[in-house]
Amino acid sequence: MAPDCDAISLENIRSCRRDLGDAIIRTPVLPWRSEHSQPLQAQGTDAWFKLELFQHTGTFKARGALNSVRGLAAGATGVTAVSAGNPAVAVAFAARQTGLSAKVVMLNTADPSRVRRARDFGAEIVFTDPGPGAFSLAEEIARTEGRVMIHPFEGPYVAQGTGTLGLEFAEQVDDLDAVIIGVGGGGLISGAAAAIKQSLPRCQVFGVEPEGADSMRRSFETGAPVTLPSVDTIADSLAPPMSLPYSFGLCRRFVDEIVTVSDQQIREAMLVLFEDLKLAVEPGGAAATAALLGPLRQRLAGKKVGVVLCGSNIELGIFADHLAAAAAAAR
C-alpha cells in the first residue's frame, strides 16, 4: 500500500509546524564534544544530538498527537488511545491543549512515570493486559462513548507531526551526511525521514530497532508489513509488535536502512549519555546512540551525523537499574 506522500510534502510539514506554533517546543541540538565522543572525533565523525527528550510530555509523541487531535472534525468532544505509555501521555497532553477529554487505555506493565504523566494531563486511564485486546478495548471505548481514536504511530497526521522534528533538524545543523532515529511502530522515523530526505536529498537515514522487537527490519526484508509473534526488549517504547501500511510505505521510500542493537548496547548508551551529558534517557531514546557507538560506528566514520534522543520517560528506579547493569558489565 503506497502512502499519500502529498500529505508529508515539505510544504505541508512546514504548514504543520506553523500551525503547531508555540504549543510544540523547537527542541535544541547539541554537538557531542566530550571524553566519550573522542574516539568518534578521532575517526573524523562529527555527531550532533537532537534533544527531543526536552519536548512537552518528555518525548517526540507530542508532535503527532497534537497534530492528530487538531485535525479532528468540529464537534469532537473526546479522544482515546492505547499504548504502553508515551502515546497515551501525548494524547492526554493534546486533549488538554484543545479542550477535549481523554480516556486512554494503558497496559498494566506501563512505566509508572508515564501513568503519572497521563493523569497529570487530566486523562482517565483504563488498564489492560498486553496483547490485541488492548486495541479492541480502545475501539470499544471510542464506539460506545463517541470518542475519536488517536493511533500511536500510523497515519498522515502523525507523520506530518513527526516531520516537524526532521524539518527542524535539517534547519538547525547544516549539511548532515546521516541521521539515526529509533524505530518502534515507525511513526517517528517515517515523518522525520520524509522531511530530512526532502530537505537534504543526499543525507542517509538509518532506523534503529531493538533486536527483540525488529518488526520494521523484517518488514523491509519481506517487502510488506510484518507482525511479530512476541517482543522481548527493555526498550518498551520501541516495541510495538507490528509495522503498519502507511508508516511502512513512508519508511520504504525515505529510510535507507534499518539496523538493530542489543539491550546491553542500549544500556551502555544510556550510561554514556548520563555520565557524559547528564541526560536521563529512556531505553528507546538511547537506541540511536547505541547504533552510532555500535553497528554504524565504522560506516559513519568521517561523517556529520545527527542522532535523535527521542524520549526520557522512565521511572527513576528502573533507570538506575539499567545504569547499574551497564556499569557492572563494563568492569
Foldseek 3Di string as FASTA:
>chain_A
DAADCVLLALVNLVVLDVVCPPVWDLFDKDWDDFDVCVVLVVLQETEMEREQCPIVLRFLQLQLLLLVVVPDDPPAAEEEEEALASNLLSVLQNCLVVVHAYEYEHEPNRFVLRVVSNVVSPHHYDYDHDDPVRVVVRVVCCVVVVHHYDYSADDSSLLSRLLNNLLSVPVNDDDAQEEEAEAAQQRNVLNSLNNNCNSHVNHAYEYEAAPQAPQLQVCVVVVHKDFAPAGDEQQRVRHHRIHDDNSSNSCVVRHDYYDYDYNLLLLLQQLCCCVIVVAQAGSSLSRRVSCCVPVCVVVQRSGHYYYYSGGHRHDPVVSVVSNVVNVVVVD
